[in-house]
Amino acid sequence: MNKNLPPQVEQTPRKNHILAALPTATYGRLFPDLELVPLELGEVLYEPGSRQDYLFFPTTAVVSMLYVLENAESAEIAVVGYEGVIGISLFMGGETTPSRAVVQNAGYAYRLKAAAMLTEFERGGAVQHLLLRYTQALITQMTQTAVCNKHHAIDQQLCRWLLLSLDRLPADELAMTRGLIANMLGVRRAGMTDAIDLLQSSGLIHYNAGTITVLNRSKLEQRVCECYAVVKREYDRLLPILGLDIKPLPDTST
């Protein structure tokens, strides 16, 4: 097994919140077609314009959706973990997308053939309702990411990115170099280095040899811009059944 992958412990489809929220009958029909697959750090699940034949439902992996420019530069537009699904274009009427999906944190996911999900989606009802609400929440994350990247300081963008990633991981540690984070956020490496050093000197994180450990989440939440709260509250509003297992946002009204 690749050293980047965590141990394959008690992996079940129900660890993905979309699959866990499916009606029993629907889950039963899809279960035989769900295939557990390892996702390695840096693995590309799909490229811009390529045909997507599968949906991926992460259980322990975290996947970044990136928009790629003609000069090959890219920037992250959303992050997806156990709360969601990769491949929304398949049930939104398209077979391709202009974005790239890259594994940000190694782990596992359940892979499902597009045809199997489309059959269920076209039945309407609970499955269609659930996936459309998830898509609306994901679009909110994409929109807020664009606003954040335009109007907020790099250290605030980094706080947002860290919190969104941690919400989808079981521990307070991420394996990611400064250069890779800079590429994810579409900023210069020097600016990202300064932002990491600033958070580290403030006692919020510790960075060493490509690993970021969050030391004080509550202070990270106090420092982050409004964009993290907007995204989290929209997920909670649209998909309360998928609610992420994290602490409530601090009260900043006083």
C-alpha atoms as a PDB file:
ATOM      1  CA  MET A   1       0.000   0.000   0.000  1.00  0.00           C
ATOM      2  CA  ASN A   2       1.227   3.501  -0.810  1.00  0.00           C
ATOM      3  CA  LYS A   3       2.773   5.171   2.235  1.00  0.00           C
ATOM      4  CA  ASN A   4       0.610   8.250   1.650  1.00  0.00           C
ATOM      5  CA  LEU A   5      -2.567   6.281   2.303  1.00  0.00           C
ATOM      6  CA  PRO A   6      -3.983   5.902   5.810  1.00  0.00           C
ATOM      7  CA  PRO A   7      -4.841   2.388   7.020  1.00  0.00           C
ATOM      8  CA  GLN A   8      -7.962   0.890   5.472  1.00  0.00           C
ATOM      9  CA  VAL A   9      -9.968   0.662   8.714  1.00  0.00           C
ATOM     10  CA  GLU A  10     -13.727   0.065   8.834  1.00  0.00           C
ATOM     11  CA  GLN A  11     -14.441   1.544   5.437  1.00  0.00           C
ATOM     12  CA  THR A  12     -18.156   1.502   4.628  1.00  0.00           C
ATOM     13  CA  PRO A  13     -20.192   3.564   2.130  1.00  0.00           C
ATOM     14  CA  ARG A  14     -22.153   5.046   5.035  1.00  0.00           C
ATOM     15  CA  LYS A  15     -19.033   7.005   6.064  1.00  0.00           C
ATOM     16  CA  ASN A  16     -19.814   9.276   3.138  1.00  0.00           C
ATOM     17  CA  HIS A  17     -22.659  11.553   4.200  1.00  0.00           C
ATOM     18  CA  ILE A  18     -24.375  11.641   0.811  1.00  0.00           C
ATOM     19  CA  LEU A  19     -24.562   7.858   0.714  1.00  0.00           C
ATOM     20  CA  ALA A  20     -25.573   7.729   4.376  1.00  0.00           C
ATOM     21  CA  ALA A  21     -28.480  10.103   3.692  1.00  0.00           C
ATOM     22  CA  LEU A  22     -29.939   8.023   0.846  1.00  0.00           C
ATOM     23  CA  PRO A  23     -33.253   6.270   1.447  1.00  0.00           C
ATOM     24  CA  THR A  24     -32.798   2.615   2.403  1.00  0.00           C
ATOM     25  CA  ALA A  25     -34.256   1.290  -0.842  1.00  0.00           C
ATOM     26  CA  THR A  26     -32.036   3.526  -2.971  1.00  0.00           C
ATOM     27  CA  TYR A  27     -28.941   2.663  -0.962  1.00  0.00           C
ATOM     28  CA  GLY A  28     -29.756  -1.000  -1.411  1.00  0.00           C
ATOM     29  CA  ARG A  29     -29.969  -0.635  -5.187  1.00  0.00           C
ATOM     30  CA  LEU A  30     -26.659   1.244  -5.411  1.00  0.00           C
ATOM     31  CA  PHE A  31     -24.703  -0.816  -2.898  1.00  0.00           C
ATOM     32  CA  PRO A  32     -23.684  -3.642  -5.299  1.00  0.00           C
ATOM     33  CA  ASP A  33     -22.157  -1.057  -7.680  1.00  0.00           C
ATOM     34  CA  LEU A  34     -20.155   0.833  -5.046  1.00  0.00           C
ATOM     35  CA  GLU A  35     -16.445   0.060  -5.334  1.00  0.00           C
ATOM     36  CA  LEU A  36     -13.957   1.018  -2.606  1.00  0.00           C
ATOM     37  CA  VAL A  37     -10.878   2.635  -4.184  1.00  0.00           C
ATOM     38  CA  PRO A  38      -7.710   4.143  -2.677  1.00  0.00           C
ATOM     39  CA  LEU A  39      -7.002   7.744  -3.663  1.00  0.00           C
ATOM     40  CA  GLU A  40      -3.341   8.713  -3.490  1.00  0.00           C
ATOM     41  CA  LEU A  41      -1.993  12.194  -2.813  1.00  0.00           C
ATOM     42  CA  GLY A  42      -1.831  14.144  -6.076  1.00  0.00           C
ATOM     43  CA  GLU A  43      -3.921  11.638  -8.034  1.00  0.00           C
ATOM     44  CA  VAL A  44      -6.021  13.267 -10.763  1.00  0.00           C
ATOM     45  CA  LEU A  45      -9.604  11.978 -10.875  1.00  0.00           C
ATOM     46  CA  TYR A  46     -10.495  13.916 -13.996  1.00  0.00           C
ATOM     47  CA  GLU A  47      -9.058  16.594 -16.274  1.00  0.00           C
ATOM     48  CA  PRO A  48     -10.824  19.589 -17.862  1.00  0.00           C
ATOM     49  CA  GLY A  49     -12.928  18.511 -20.815  1.00  0.00           C
ATOM     50  CA  SER A  50     -12.451  14.799 -20.219  1.00  0.00           C
ATOM     51  CA  ARG A  51     -15.403  12.427 -20.102  1.00  0.00           C
ATOM     52  CA  GLN A  52     -16.399  11.435 -16.569  1.00  0.00           C
ATOM     53  CA  ASP A  53     -17.519   7.844 -16.245  1.00  0.00           C
ATOM     54  CA  TYR A  54     -17.619   7.658 -12.438  1.00  0.00           C
ATOM     55  CA  LEU A  55     -18.721   9.592  -9.394  1.00  0.00           C
ATOM     56  CA  PHE A  56     -16.499   9.461  -6.300  1.00  0.00           C
ATOM     57  CA  PHE A  57     -17.880   9.526  -2.760  1.00  0.00           C
ATOM     58  CA  PRO A  58     -14.929  10.208  -0.405  1.00  0.00           C
ATOM     59  CA  THR A  59     -14.856   8.617   3.030  1.00  0.00           C
ATOM     60  CA  THR A  60     -11.384   9.617   4.263  1.00  0.00           C
ATOM     61  CA  ALA A  61      -9.863  11.318   1.195  1.00  0.00           C
ATOM     62  CA  VAL A  62     -10.149  15.044   0.467  1.00  0.00           C
ATOM     63  CA  VAL A  63     -10.317  16.225  -3.143  1.00  0.00           C
ATOM     64  CA  SER A  64      -9.622  19.694  -4.545  1.00  0.00           C
ATOM     65  CA  MET A  65     -11.500  20.999  -7.546  1.00  0.00           C
ATOM     66  CA  LEU A  66      -9.218  23.284  -9.544  1.00  0.00           C
ATOM     67  CA  TYR A  67      -9.811  25.629 -12.464  1.00  0.00           C
ATOM     68  CA  VAL A  68      -6.958  25.410 -14.961  1.00  0.00           C
ATOM     69  CA  LEU A  69      -5.926  28.335 -17.166  1.00  0.00           C
ATOM     70  CA  GLU A  70      -4.476  28.088 -20.674  1.00  0.00           C
ATOM     71  CA  ASN A  71      -0.977  28.773 -19.303  1.00  0.00           C
ATOM     72  CA  ALA A  72      -1.382  25.669 -17.051  1.00  0.00           C
ATOM     73  CA  GLU A  73      -1.696  27.717 -13.853  1.00  0.00           C
ATOM     74  CA  SER A  74      -4.569  26.705 -11.598  1.00  0.00           C
ATOM     75  CA  ALA A  75      -6.525  27.774  -8.527  1.00  0.00           C
ATOM     76  CA  GLU A  76      -8.769  25.827  -6.192  1.00  0.00           C
ATOM     77  CA  ILE A  77     -12.488  26.537  -6.516  1.00  0.00           C
ATOM     78  CA  ALA A  78     -13.802  24.010  -3.973  1.00  0.00           C
ATOM     79  CA  VAL A  79     -12.794  21.219  -1.614  1.00  0.00           C
ATOM     80  CA  VAL A  80     -14.798  18.019  -1.186  1.00  0.00           C
ATOM     81  CA  GLY A  81     -14.536  15.364   1.504  1.00  0.00           C
ATOM     82  CA  TYR A  82     -16.791  12.870   3.217  1.00  0.00           C
ATOM     83  CA  GLU A  83     -19.712  15.318   3.118  1.00  0.00           C
ATOM     84  CA  GLY A  84     -19.972  15.248  -0.664  1.00  0.00           C
ATOM     85  CA  VAL A  85     -19.446  13.774  -4.085  1.00  0.00           C
ATOM     86  CA  ILE A  86     -17.092  14.395  -6.987  1.00  0.00           C
ATOM     87  CA  GLY A  87     -18.703  14.430 -10.439  1.00  0.00           C
ATOM     88  CA  ILE A  88     -21.784  16.661 -10.173  1.00  0.00           C
ATOM     89  CA  SER A  89     -21.709  17.428 -13.911  1.00  0.00           C
ATOM     90  CA  LEU A  90     -22.830  13.853 -14.560  1.00  0.00           C
ATOM     91  CA  PHE A  91     -26.255  14.422 -13.038  1.00  0.00           C
ATOM     92  CA  MET A  92     -26.485  18.108 -13.985  1.00  0.00           C
ATOM     93  CA  GLY A  93     -26.794  17.312 -17.684  1.00  0.00           C
ATOM     94  CA  GLY A  94     -23.178  17.376 -18.824  1.00  0.00           C
ATOM     95  CA  GLU A  95     -20.508  14.725 -19.264  1.00  0.00           C
ATOM     96  CA  THR A  96     -17.486  17.023 -18.938  1.00  0.00           C
ATOM     97  CA  THR A  97     -16.383  19.980 -16.816  1.00  0.00           C
ATOM     98  CA  PRO A  98     -13.760  22.749 -17.219  1.00  0.00           C
ATOM     99  CA  SER A  99     -12.262  21.918 -13.803  1.00  0.00           C
ATOM    100  CA  ARG A 100      -9.709  19.365 -12.612  1.00  0.00           C
ATOM    101  CA  ALA A 101     -10.164  17.132  -9.564  1.00  0.00           C
ATOM    102  CA  VAL A 102      -6.973  16.332  -7.625  1.00  0.00           C
ATOM    103  CA  VAL A 103      -6.564  14.391  -4.382  1.00  0.00           C
ATOM    104  CA  GLN A 104      -5.459  16.848  -1.696  1.00  0.00           C
ATOM    105  CA  ASN A 105      -5.284  14.338   1.151  1.00  0.00           C
ATOM    106  CA  ALA A 106      -4.837  10.638   0.511  1.00  0.00           C
ATOM    107  CA  GLY A 107      -7.534   8.266   1.668  1.00  0.00           C
ATOM    108  CA  TYR A 108     -10.434   6.219   0.363  1.00  0.00           C
ATOM    109  CA  ALA A 109     -13.594   6.764  -1.625  1.00  0.00           C
ATOM    110  CA  TYR A 110     -16.393   4.721  -3.122  1.00  0.00           C
ATOM    111  CA  ARG A 111     -16.570   4.833  -6.895  1.00  0.00           C
ATOM    112  CA  LEU A 112     -19.889   4.511  -8.701  1.00  0.00           C
ATOM    113  CA  LYS A 113     -20.541   4.229 -12.429  1.00  0.00           C
ATOM    114  CA  ALA A 114     -22.323   7.266 -13.792  1.00  0.00           C
ATOM    115  CA  ALA A 115     -25.083   5.170 -15.353  1.00  0.00           C
ATOM    116  CA  ALA A 116     -26.072   3.718 -11.979  1.00  0.00           C
ATOM    117  CA  MET A 117     -26.484   7.138 -10.356  1.00  0.00           C
ATOM    118  CA  LEU A 118     -28.237   8.627 -13.383  1.00  0.00           C
ATOM    119  CA  THR A 119     -30.851   5.885 -13.227  1.00  0.00           C
ATOM    120  CA  GLU A 120     -31.591   6.794  -9.605  1.00  0.00           C
ATOM    121  CA  PHE A 121     -31.447  10.542 -10.256  1.00  0.00           C
ATOM    122  CA  GLU A 122     -33.980  10.299 -13.060  1.00  0.00           C
ATOM    123  CA  ARG A 123     -36.424   8.594 -10.702  1.00  0.00           C
ATOM    124  CA  GLY A 124     -36.746  11.967  -8.976  1.00  0.00           C
ATOM    125  CA  GLY A 125     -37.740  12.069  -5.347  1.00  0.00           C
ATOM    126  CA  ALA A 126     -35.298  12.027  -2.454  1.00  0.00           C
ATOM    127  CA  VAL A 127     -32.134  11.295  -4.466  1.00  0.00           C
ATOM    128  CA  GLN A 128     -32.669  14.137  -6.893  1.00  0.00           C
ATOM    129  CA  HIS A 129     -33.604  16.507  -4.071  1.00  0.00           C
ATOM    130  CA  LEU A 130     -30.526  15.586  -2.029  1.00  0.00           C
ATOM    131  CA  LEU A 131     -28.057  15.922  -4.905  1.00  0.00           C
ATOM    132  CA  LEU A 132     -29.477  19.232  -6.105  1.00  0.00           C
ATOM    133  CA  ARG A 133     -29.281  20.699  -2.604  1.00  0.00           C
ATOM    134  CA  TYR A 134     -25.698  19.460  -2.298  1.00  0.00           C
ATOM    135  CA  THR A 135     -24.883  21.065  -5.656  1.00  0.00           C
ATOM    136  CA  GLN A 136     -26.300  24.388  -4.469  1.00  0.00           C
ATOM    137  CA  ALA A 137     -24.096  24.226  -1.369  1.00  0.00           C
ATOM    138  CA  LEU A 138     -21.067  23.399  -3.517  1.00  0.00           C
ATOM    139  CA  ILE A 139     -21.796  26.341  -5.829  1.00  0.00           C
ATOM    140  CA  THR A 140     -21.909  28.583  -2.758  1.00  0.00           C
ATOM    141  CA  GLN A 141     -18.441  27.358  -1.800  1.00  0.00           C
ATOM    142  CA  MET A 142     -17.145  28.070  -5.325  1.00  0.00           C
ATOM    143  CA  THR A 143     -18.677  31.552  -5.365  1.00  0.00           C
ATOM    144  CA  GLN A 144     -17.358  32.466  -1.926  1.00  0.00           C
ATOM    145  CA  THR A 145     -13.900  31.166  -2.838  1.00  0.00           C
ATOM    146  CA  ALA A 146     -13.790  33.535  -5.817  1.00  0.00           C
ATOM    147  CA  VAL A 147     -14.839  36.468  -3.603  1.00  0.00           C
ATOM    148  CA  CYS A 148     -12.313  35.532  -0.921  1.00  0.00           C
ATOM    149  CA  ASN A 149      -9.422  35.224  -3.377  1.00  0.00           C
ATOM    150  CA  LYS A 150     -10.225  38.681  -4.761  1.00  0.00           C
ATOM    151  CA  HIS A 151     -10.863  40.690  -1.595  1.00  0.00           C
ATOM    152  CA  HIS A 152      -9.157  39.097   1.410  1.00  0.00           C
ATOM    153  CA  ALA A 153      -5.570  38.890   2.623  1.00  0.00           C
ATOM    154  CA  ILE A 154      -3.545  35.761   1.931  1.00  0.00           C
ATOM    155  CA  ASP A 155      -3.384  34.798   5.606  1.00  0.00           C
ATOM    156  CA  GLN A 156      -7.207  34.949   5.781  1.00  0.00           C
ATOM    157  CA  GLN A 157      -7.478  32.844   2.631  1.00  0.00           C
ATOM    158  CA  LEU A 158      -5.116  30.346   4.228  1.00  0.00           C
ATOM    159  CA  CYS A 159      -7.266  30.236   7.384  1.00  0.00           C
ATOM    160  CA  ARG A 160     -10.360  29.563   5.265  1.00  0.00           C
ATOM    161  CA  TRP A 161      -8.592  26.821   3.326  1.00  0.00           C
ATOM    162  CA  LEU A 162      -7.265  25.196   6.491  1.00  0.00           C
ATOM    163  CA  LEU A 163     -10.660  25.193   8.208  1.00  0.00           C
ATOM    164  CA  LEU A 164     -12.508  23.810   5.182  1.00  0.00           C
ATOM    165  CA  SER A 165      -9.883  21.069   4.877  1.00  0.00           C
ATOM    166  CA  LEU A 166      -9.932  20.234   8.598  1.00  0.00           C
ATOM    167  CA  ASP A 167     -13.723  19.955   8.534  1.00  0.00           C
ATOM    168  CA  ARG A 168     -13.237  17.015   6.205  1.00  0.00           C
ATOM    169  CA  LEU A 169     -10.396  15.294   8.041  1.00  0.00           C
ATOM    170  CA  PRO A 170     -10.311  13.262  11.281  1.00  0.00           C
ATOM    171  CA  ALA A 171      -7.177  14.982  12.630  1.00  0.00           C
ATOM    172  CA  ASP A 172      -5.736  18.498  12.948  1.00  0.00           C
ATOM    173  CA  GLU A 173      -2.889  17.768  10.548  1.00  0.00           C
ATOM    174  CA  LEU A 174      -2.490  18.220   6.795  1.00  0.00           C
ATOM    175  CA  ALA A 175       0.302  16.978   4.541  1.00  0.00           C
ATOM    176  CA  MET A 176       0.845  19.877   2.148  1.00  0.00           C
ATOM    177  CA  THR A 177       3.887  21.950   1.133  1.00  0.00           C
ATOM    178  CA  ARG A 178       3.905  25.730   0.940  1.00  0.00           C
ATOM    179  CA  GLY A 179       4.285  25.562  -2.828  1.00  0.00           C
ATOM    180  CA  LEU A 180       1.284  23.285  -3.247  1.00  0.00           C
ATOM    181  CA  ILE A 181      -0.915  25.477  -1.042  1.00  0.00           C
ATOM    182  CA  ALA A 182       0.179  28.529  -3.047  1.00  0.00           C
ATOM    183  CA  ASN A 183      -0.832  26.725  -6.246  1.00  0.00           C
ATOM    184  CA  MET A 184      -4.167  25.730  -4.711  1.00  0.00           C
ATOM    185  CA  LEU A 185      -4.990  29.322  -3.758  1.00  0.00           C
ATOM    186  CA  GLY A 186      -3.496  30.843  -6.889  1.00  0.00           C
ATOM    187  CA  VAL A 187      -1.036  33.099  -5.041  1.00  0.00           C
ATOM    188  CA  ARG A 188       2.725  33.590  -5.189  1.00  0.00           C
ATOM    189  CA  ARG A 189       4.811  31.188  -3.134  1.00  0.00           C
ATOM    190  CA  ALA A 190       6.540  34.067  -1.322  1.00  0.00           C
ATOM    191  CA  GLY A 191       3.168  35.409  -0.207  1.00  0.00           C
ATOM    192  CA  MET A 192       2.113  31.982   1.039  1.00  0.00           C
ATOM    193  CA  THR A 193       5.380  31.566   2.935  1.00  0.00           C
ATOM    194  CA  ASP A 194       4.751  34.891   4.680  1.00  0.00           C
ATOM    195  CA  ALA A 195       1.176  33.848   5.546  1.00  0.00           C
ATOM    196  CA  ILE A 196       2.280  30.500   6.995  1.00  0.00           C
ATOM    197  CA  ASP A 197       5.042  32.200   9.000  1.00  0.00           C
ATOM    198  CA  LEU A 198       2.524  34.746  10.322  1.00  0.00           C
ATOM    199  CA  LEU A 199       0.083  32.065  11.524  1.00  0.00           C
ATOM    200  CA  GLN A 200       2.943  30.056  12.997  1.00  0.00           C
ATOM    201  CA  SER A 201       4.398  33.026  14.904  1.00  0.00           C
ATOM    202  CA  SER A 202       0.887  33.692  16.262  1.00  0.00           C
ATOM    203  CA  GLY A 203       0.748  30.172  17.681  1.00  0.00           C
ATOM    204  CA  LEU A 204      -2.118  29.027  15.437  1.00  0.00           C
ATOM    205  CA  ILE A 205      -0.247  26.404  13.404  1.00  0.00           C
ATOM    206  CA  HIS A 206       3.040  24.566  13.213  1.00  0.00           C
ATOM    207  CA  TYR A 207       4.665  23.915   9.839  1.00  0.00           C
ATOM    208  CA  ASN A 208       7.442  21.381   9.370  1.00  0.00           C
ATOM    209  CA  ALA A 209       8.668  19.473   6.327  1.00  0.00           C
ATOM    210  CA  GLY A 210       5.434  19.734   4.352  1.00  0.00           C
ATOM    211  CA  THR A 211       3.094  19.083   7.276  1.00  0.00           C
ATOM    212  CA  ILE A 212       0.778  21.670   8.830  1.00  0.00           C
ATOM    213  CA  THR A 213      -0.533  21.009  12.317  1.00  0.00           C
ATOM    214  CA  VAL A 214      -3.288  23.270  13.641  1.00  0.00           C
ATOM    215  CA  LEU A 215      -2.497  24.152  17.249  1.00  0.00           C
ATOM    216  CA  ASN A 216      -5.422  26.428  18.066  1.00  0.00           C
ATOM    217  CA  ARG A 217      -8.563  25.994  15.993  1.00  0.00           C
ATOM    218  CA  SER A 218     -10.633  28.501  17.960  1.00  0.00           C
ATOM    219  CA  LYS A 219      -8.144  31.301  17.259  1.00  0.00           C
ATOM    220  CA  LEU A 220      -7.994  30.219  13.612  1.00  0.00           C
ATOM    221  CA  GLU A 221     -11.788  30.650  13.452  1.00  0.00           C
ATOM    222  CA  GLN A 222     -11.483  34.089  15.026  1.00  0.00           C
ATOM    223  CA  ARG A 223      -8.868  35.176  12.491  1.00  0.00           C
ATOM    224  CA  VAL A 224     -10.554  33.815   9.355  1.00  0.00           C
ATOM    225  CA  CYS A 225     -12.577  36.108   7.106  1.00  0.00           C
ATOM    226  CA  GLU A 226     -16.374  35.878   6.785  1.00  0.00           C
ATOM    227  CA  CYS A 227     -16.134  33.478   3.832  1.00  0.00           C
ATOM    228  CA  TYR A 228     -15.682  30.352   5.946  1.00  0.00           C
ATOM    229  CA  ALA A 229     -18.830  31.096   7.970  1.00  0.00           C
ATOM    230  CA  VAL A 230     -20.856  31.777   4.810  1.00  0.00           C
ATOM    231  CA  VAL A 231     -19.895  28.416   3.321  1.00  0.00           C
ATOM    232  CA  LYS A 232     -20.419  26.446   6.537  1.00  0.00           C
ATOM    233  CA  ARG A 233     -23.814  27.968   7.267  1.00  0.00           C
ATOM    234  CA  GLU A 234     -25.016  27.306   3.748  1.00  0.00           C
ATOM    235  CA  TYR A 235     -24.040  23.636   4.035  1.00  0.00           C
ATOM    236  CA  ASP A 236     -25.796  23.471   7.399  1.00  0.00           C
ATOM    237  CA  ARG A 237     -28.909  25.190   6.000  1.00  0.00           C
ATOM    238  CA  LEU A 238     -29.231  23.137   2.832  1.00  0.00           C
ATOM    239  CA  LEU A 239     -27.970  19.812   4.118  1.00  0.00           C
ATOM    240  CA  PRO A 240     -28.544  19.555   7.877  1.00  0.00           C
ATOM    241  CA  ILE A 241     -28.562  15.758   7.594  1.00  0.00           C
ATOM    242  CA  LEU A 242     -24.991  15.976   6.276  1.00  0.00           C
ATOM    243  CA  GLY A 243     -23.841  18.298   9.063  1.00  0.00           C
ATOM    244  CA  LEU A 244     -20.085  18.165   9.555  1.00  0.00           C
ATOM    245  CA  ASP A 245     -18.907  16.988  12.964  1.00  0.00           C
ATOM    246  CA  ILE A 246     -17.203  20.218  14.054  1.00  0.00           C
ATOM    247  CA  LYS A 247     -17.504  22.830  16.758  1.00  0.00           C
ATOM    248  CA  PRO A 248     -19.976  25.718  16.281  1.00  0.00           C
ATOM    249  CA  LEU A 249     -18.620  29.001  15.000  1.00  0.00           C
ATOM    250  CA  PRO A 250     -17.586  31.443  17.739  1.00  0.00           C
ATOM    251  CA  ASP A 251     -19.967  34.295  18.565  1.00  0.00           C
ATOM    252  CA  THR A 252     -18.322  37.468  17.216  1.00  0.00           C
ATOM    253  CA  SER A 253     -21.295  39.753  17.817  1.00  0.00           C
ATOM    254  CA  THR A 254     -19.868  41.197  21.028  1.00  0.00           C
END
